Amino acid sequence: MNRIFDKTTCWNIFDHTDTPEPLWELQRQGKHREARQAAVRLTLRHPLRMLPVIVNCLRCGRS
């Protein structure tokens, strides 16, 4: 789970929200655990919007 929701994936998930600034701030403050939890919650809440983002991040990570 940590590999899927790494820092880069969290940033990309946050980019696809309506108000990413508070979520980006978690990452900037070093609150990576909280940011990861927020990314998981967003994915569960909006799976059709977030799953393609995760798949693209995983695809880029393997290259």
N, C-alpha and C. Protein backbone atom coordinates (compact mmCIF):
# COMPACT_ATOMS: atom_id res chain seq x y z
N MET A 1 0.83 -1.19 0.00
CA MET A 1 0.00 0.00 0.00
C MET A 1 0.88 1.26 0.00
N ASN A 2 1.97 1.23 0.78
CA ASN A 2 2.85 2.40 0.82
C ASN A 2 3.50 2.64 -0.53
N ARG A 3 3.78 1.55 -1.26
CA ARG A 3 4.41 1.70 -2.57
C ARG A 3 3.44 2.36 -3.55
N ILE A 4 2.17 2.00 -3.46
CA ILE A 4 1.18 2.59 -4.36
C ILE A 4 0.96 4.06 -4.02
N PHE A 5 0.82 4.36 -2.74
CA PHE A 5 0.56 5.73 -2.32
C PHE A 5 1.85 6.38 -1.82
N ASP A 6 2.85 6.45 -2.70
CA ASP A 6 4.09 7.13 -2.33
C ASP A 6 3.90 8.64 -2.49
N LYS A 7 4.96 9.39 -2.23
CA LYS A 7 4.86 10.86 -2.25
C LYS A 7 4.42 11.39 -3.62
N THR A 8 4.98 10.83 -4.68
CA THR A 8 4.65 11.32 -6.03
C THR A 8 3.20 11.05 -6.37
N THR A 9 2.72 9.85 -6.06
CA THR A 9 1.33 9.52 -6.34
C THR A 9 0.39 10.42 -5.55
N CYS A 10 0.73 10.69 -4.29
CA CYS A 10 -0.11 11.58 -3.48
C CYS A 10 -0.20 12.96 -4.12
N TRP A 11 0.95 13.51 -4.57
CA TRP A 11 0.92 14.83 -5.22
C TRP A 11 0.01 14.79 -6.43
N ASN A 12 0.10 13.74 -7.24
CA ASN A 12 -0.72 13.64 -8.45
C ASN A 12 -2.20 13.48 -8.12
N ILE A 13 -2.51 12.73 -7.09
CA ILE A 13 -3.91 12.60 -6.67
C ILE A 13 -4.42 13.96 -6.21
N PHE A 14 -3.62 14.66 -5.43
CA PHE A 14 -4.04 15.97 -4.93
C PHE A 14 -4.25 16.95 -6.08
N ASP A 15 -3.47 16.82 -7.15
CA ASP A 15 -3.64 17.69 -8.33
C ASP A 15 -5.03 17.55 -8.95
N HIS A 16 -5.66 16.41 -8.77
CA HIS A 16 -6.96 16.14 -9.38
C HIS A 16 -8.13 16.43 -8.46
N THR A 17 -7.88 17.17 -7.38
CA THR A 17 -8.98 17.57 -6.49
C THR A 17 -9.37 19.01 -6.79
N ASP A 18 -10.50 19.42 -6.25
CA ASP A 18 -10.96 20.80 -6.46
C ASP A 18 -10.15 21.81 -5.66
N THR A 19 -9.67 21.42 -4.49
CA THR A 19 -8.88 22.31 -3.63
C THR A 19 -7.63 21.58 -3.16
N PRO A 20 -6.58 21.55 -3.98
CA PRO A 20 -5.39 20.79 -3.63
C PRO A 20 -4.46 21.46 -2.61
N GLU A 21 -4.59 22.77 -2.42
CA GLU A 21 -3.63 23.49 -1.59
C GLU A 21 -3.49 22.93 -0.17
N PRO A 22 -4.59 22.68 0.56
CA PRO A 22 -4.42 22.14 1.92
C PRO A 22 -3.76 20.76 1.93
N LEU A 23 -4.01 19.98 0.90
CA LEU A 23 -3.41 18.65 0.82
C LEU A 23 -1.93 18.74 0.47
N TRP A 24 -1.57 19.65 -0.43
CA TRP A 24 -0.16 19.87 -0.74
C TRP A 24 0.59 20.33 0.50
N GLU A 25 -0.08 21.13 1.32
CA GLU A 25 0.57 21.65 2.52
C GLU A 25 0.96 20.52 3.47
N LEU A 26 0.17 19.46 3.53
CA LEU A 26 0.54 18.31 4.35
C LEU A 26 1.89 17.75 3.90
N GLN A 27 2.07 17.61 2.60
CA GLN A 27 3.33 17.10 2.06
C GLN A 27 4.48 18.05 2.37
N ARG A 28 4.24 19.35 2.18
CA ARG A 28 5.30 20.34 2.42
C ARG A 28 5.74 20.35 3.88
N GLN A 29 4.80 20.10 4.79
CA GLN A 29 5.11 20.10 6.22
C GLN A 29 5.75 18.79 6.66
N GLY A 30 5.90 17.85 5.76
CA GLY A 30 6.50 16.56 6.11
C GLY A 30 5.54 15.59 6.76
N LYS A 31 4.26 15.86 6.67
CA LYS A 31 3.25 14.98 7.26
C LYS A 31 2.82 13.94 6.21
N HIS A 32 3.78 13.09 5.86
CA HIS A 32 3.56 12.14 4.77
C HIS A 32 2.53 11.07 5.12
N ARG A 33 2.49 10.67 6.36
CA ARG A 33 1.50 9.66 6.77
C ARG A 33 0.08 10.21 6.62
N GLU A 34 -0.12 11.45 7.07
CA GLU A 34 -1.43 12.08 6.95
C GLU A 34 -1.80 12.31 5.48
N ALA A 35 -0.80 12.70 4.68
CA ALA A 35 -1.04 12.91 3.26
C ALA A 35 -1.43 11.60 2.58
N ARG A 36 -0.73 10.52 2.94
CA ARG A 36 -1.05 9.21 2.37
C ARG A 36 -2.48 8.79 2.74
N GLN A 37 -2.86 9.02 3.99
CA GLN A 37 -4.22 8.69 4.42
C GLN A 37 -5.25 9.52 3.65
N ALA A 38 -4.95 10.78 3.43
CA ALA A 38 -5.86 11.64 2.66
C ALA A 38 -5.99 11.14 1.22
N ALA A 39 -4.88 10.70 0.64
CA ALA A 39 -4.91 10.18 -0.73
C ALA A 39 -5.74 8.90 -0.82
N VAL A 40 -5.60 8.05 0.18
CA VAL A 40 -6.40 6.81 0.20
C VAL A 40 -7.88 7.15 0.32
N ARG A 41 -8.21 8.08 1.21
CA ARG A 41 -9.62 8.48 1.38
C ARG A 41 -10.18 9.07 0.09
N LEU A 42 -9.40 9.91 -0.57
CA LEU A 42 -9.86 10.50 -1.84
C LEU A 42 -10.08 9.42 -2.89
N THR A 43 -9.20 8.44 -2.93
CA THR A 43 -9.34 7.35 -3.90
C THR A 43 -10.60 6.54 -3.62
N LEU A 44 -10.87 6.28 -2.36
CA LEU A 44 -12.07 5.52 -2.01
C LEU A 44 -13.34 6.33 -2.27
N ARG A 45 -13.24 7.63 -2.07
CA ARG A 45 -14.40 8.51 -2.27
C ARG A 45 -14.69 8.77 -3.75
N HIS A 46 -13.64 8.86 -4.56
CA HIS A 46 -13.77 9.17 -6.00
C HIS A 46 -12.95 8.18 -6.83
N PRO A 47 -13.31 6.91 -6.81
CA PRO A 47 -12.46 5.91 -7.48
C PRO A 47 -12.33 6.09 -8.99
N LEU A 48 -13.39 6.48 -9.66
CA LEU A 48 -13.30 6.62 -11.12
C LEU A 48 -12.40 7.77 -11.54
N ARG A 49 -12.25 8.74 -10.68
CA ARG A 49 -11.39 9.88 -10.98
C ARG A 49 -9.94 9.63 -10.57
N MET A 50 -9.73 8.86 -9.51
CA MET A 50 -8.38 8.70 -8.96
C MET A 50 -7.65 7.45 -9.45
N LEU A 51 -8.35 6.38 -9.75
CA LEU A 51 -7.67 5.16 -10.18
C LEU A 51 -6.84 5.34 -11.45
N PRO A 52 -7.30 6.07 -12.46
CA PRO A 52 -6.42 6.31 -13.62
C PRO A 52 -5.14 7.06 -13.25
N VAL A 53 -5.22 7.95 -12.28
CA VAL A 53 -4.03 8.68 -11.82
C VAL A 53 -3.03 7.71 -11.21
N ILE A 54 -3.52 6.81 -10.37
CA ILE A 54 -2.65 5.83 -9.71
C ILE A 54 -2.01 4.91 -10.75
N VAL A 55 -2.80 4.44 -11.70
CA VAL A 55 -2.27 3.55 -12.74
C VAL A 55 -1.17 4.26 -13.53
N ASN A 56 -1.38 5.51 -13.89
CA ASN A 56 -0.35 6.26 -14.62
C ASN A 56 0.91 6.43 -13.79
N CYS A 57 0.76 6.69 -12.50
CA CYS A 57 1.93 6.83 -11.63
C CYS A 57 2.71 5.52 -11.53
N LEU A 58 1.98 4.41 -11.41
CA LEU A 58 2.65 3.10 -11.34
C LEU A 58 3.35 2.79 -12.65
N ARG A 59 2.73 3.13 -13.76
CA ARG A 59 3.32 2.89 -15.07
C ARG A 59 4.61 3.69 -15.24
N CYS A 60 4.60 4.95 -14.82
CA CYS A 60 5.80 5.79 -14.93
C CYS A 60 6.90 5.32 -13.98
N GLY A 61 6.51 4.80 -12.84
CA GLY A 61 7.48 4.33 -11.86
C GLY A 61 8.25 3.11 -12.31
N ARG A 62 7.69 2.33 -13.20
CA ARG A 62 8.35 1.12 -13.69
C ARG A 62 9.32 1.40 -14.81
N SER A 63 9.18 2.53 -15.47
CA SER A 63 10.03 2.86 -16.63
C SER A 63 11.42 3.21 -16.21
